[in-house]
Amino acid sequence: MDETFGWTNIEEISEALLEKYPDRDPLMLRFPELTGMVEGLEHFRPRQRQSVNEQILEAIQAAWYELYLEENS
């Protein structure tokens, strides 16, 4: 991943989370923990005036979980 991404880049975030945390079950995370994990990703740079909400976190969690299942089935 060469480019930065923000909160609405769900696919990029979920791929980066799977790469960084391959053994974490996304469904076992609370949203504050997930928020911190995303904010800690190397290429994460939220756009100006772009904030996170529950809908975005749910989408990230669902996308990450799909990738997690593919890797662990």
C-alpha atoms as a PDB file:
ATOM      1  CA  MET A   1       0.000   0.000   0.000  1.00  0.00           C
ATOM      2  CA  ASP A   2       1.707   3.167  -1.170  1.00  0.00           C
ATOM      3  CA  GLU A   3      -1.010   5.761  -0.791  1.00  0.00           C
ATOM      4  CA  THR A   4      -2.712   7.134   2.262  1.00  0.00           C
ATOM      5  CA  PHE A   5      -6.349   6.528   3.051  1.00  0.00           C
ATOM      6  CA  GLY A   6      -9.059   8.023   5.247  1.00  0.00           C
ATOM      7  CA  TRP A   7     -12.171   6.860   7.058  1.00  0.00           C
ATOM      8  CA  THR A   8     -14.251   6.245   3.934  1.00  0.00           C
ATOM      9  CA  ASN A   9     -11.676   3.972   2.306  1.00  0.00           C
ATOM     10  CA  ILE A  10     -13.228   0.843   3.780  1.00  0.00           C
ATOM     11  CA  GLU A  11     -11.454  -1.702   1.570  1.00  0.00           C
ATOM     12  CA  GLU A  12      -8.001  -0.235   2.158  1.00  0.00           C
ATOM     13  CA  ILE A  13      -8.591  -0.065   5.906  1.00  0.00           C
ATOM     14  CA  SER A  14      -9.903  -3.627   6.156  1.00  0.00           C
ATOM     15  CA  GLU A  15      -6.971  -4.992   4.129  1.00  0.00           C
ATOM     16  CA  ALA A  16      -4.472  -3.096   6.276  1.00  0.00           C
ATOM     17  CA  LEU A  17      -6.128  -4.322   9.474  1.00  0.00           C
ATOM     18  CA  LEU A  18      -6.033  -7.927   8.292  1.00  0.00           C
ATOM     19  CA  GLU A  19      -2.366  -7.545   7.397  1.00  0.00           C
ATOM     20  CA  LYS A  20      -1.452  -5.953  10.730  1.00  0.00           C
ATOM     21  CA  TYR A  21      -3.738  -8.092  12.927  1.00  0.00           C
ATOM     22  CA  PRO A  22      -4.174 -11.440  11.118  1.00  0.00           C
ATOM     23  CA  ASP A  23      -5.252 -13.325  14.237  1.00  0.00           C
ATOM     24  CA  ARG A  24      -7.755 -10.805  15.598  1.00  0.00           C
ATOM     25  CA  ASP A  25     -11.433 -11.592  15.177  1.00  0.00           C
ATOM     26  CA  PRO A  26     -12.957  -8.269  14.093  1.00  0.00           C
ATOM     27  CA  LEU A  27     -16.296  -9.125  15.692  1.00  0.00           C
ATOM     28  CA  MET A  28     -14.669  -9.307  19.120  1.00  0.00           C
ATOM     29  CA  LEU A  29     -13.692  -5.619  19.094  1.00  0.00           C
ATOM     30  CA  ARG A  30     -15.499  -2.668  20.578  1.00  0.00           C
ATOM     31  CA  PHE A  31     -15.691   0.418  18.403  1.00  0.00           C
ATOM     32  CA  PRO A  32     -13.293   2.500  20.542  1.00  0.00           C
ATOM     33  CA  GLU A  33     -10.653  -0.218  20.159  1.00  0.00           C
ATOM     34  CA  LEU A  34     -11.312  -0.516  16.421  1.00  0.00           C
ATOM     35  CA  THR A  35     -11.035   3.258  16.070  1.00  0.00           C
ATOM     36  CA  GLY A  36      -7.639   3.216  17.742  1.00  0.00           C
ATOM     37  CA  MET A  37      -6.444   0.341  15.579  1.00  0.00           C
ATOM     38  CA  VAL A  38      -7.432   2.181  12.393  1.00  0.00           C
ATOM     39  CA  GLU A  39      -5.849   5.416  13.587  1.00  0.00           C
ATOM     40  CA  GLY A  40      -2.652   3.476  14.253  1.00  0.00           C
ATOM     41  CA  LEU A  41      -2.339   2.131  10.716  1.00  0.00           C
ATOM     42  CA  GLU A  42       0.772   3.327   8.915  1.00  0.00           C
ATOM     43  CA  HIS A  43      -0.962   4.882   5.899  1.00  0.00           C
ATOM     44  CA  PHE A  44      -4.057   6.173   7.661  1.00  0.00           C
ATOM     45  CA  ARG A  45      -4.460   9.923   7.172  1.00  0.00           C
ATOM     46  CA  PRO A  46      -8.034  11.135   7.682  1.00  0.00           C
ATOM     47  CA  ARG A  47      -9.101  13.901   5.353  1.00  0.00           C
ATOM     48  CA  GLN A  48      -9.713  17.342   6.803  1.00  0.00           C
ATOM     49  CA  ARG A  49     -13.166  17.552   8.384  1.00  0.00           C
ATOM     50  CA  GLN A  50     -13.661  13.822   7.938  1.00  0.00           C
ATOM     51  CA  SER A  51     -14.821  12.155  11.115  1.00  0.00           C
ATOM     52  CA  VAL A  52     -15.769   8.633  11.990  1.00  0.00           C
ATOM     53  CA  ASN A  53     -19.207   7.428  13.006  1.00  0.00           C
ATOM     54  CA  GLU A  54     -20.840   4.132  13.934  1.00  0.00           C
ATOM     55  CA  GLN A  55     -21.918   3.419  10.344  1.00  0.00           C
ATOM     56  CA  ILE A  56     -18.333   3.703   9.070  1.00  0.00           C
ATOM     57  CA  LEU A  57     -17.002   1.528  11.886  1.00  0.00           C
ATOM     58  CA  GLU A  58     -19.647  -1.117  11.170  1.00  0.00           C
ATOM     59  CA  ALA A  59     -18.671  -1.124   7.490  1.00  0.00           C
ATOM     60  CA  ILE A  60     -14.970  -1.473   8.363  1.00  0.00           C
ATOM     61  CA  GLN A  61     -15.721  -4.276  10.800  1.00  0.00           C
ATOM     62  CA  ALA A  62     -17.884  -6.148   8.267  1.00  0.00           C
ATOM     63  CA  ALA A  63     -15.338  -5.804   5.443  1.00  0.00           C
ATOM     64  CA  TRP A  64     -12.483  -6.888   7.711  1.00  0.00           C
ATOM     65  CA  TYR A  65     -14.537  -9.843   8.954  1.00  0.00           C
ATOM     66  CA  GLU A  66     -15.165 -11.032   5.378  1.00  0.00           C
ATOM     67  CA  LEU A  67     -11.426 -10.970   4.686  1.00  0.00           C
ATOM     68  CA  TYR A  68     -10.752 -12.634   8.044  1.00  0.00           C
ATOM     69  CA  LEU A  69     -13.122 -15.494   7.159  1.00  0.00           C
ATOM     70  CA  GLU A  70     -11.495 -15.959   3.758  1.00  0.00           C
ATOM     71  CA  GLU A  71      -8.064 -16.218   5.386  1.00  0.00           C
ATOM     72  CA  ASN A  72      -9.191 -18.516   8.194  1.00  0.00           C
ATOM     73  CA  SER A  73     -11.471 -21.003   6.459  1.00  0.00           C
END
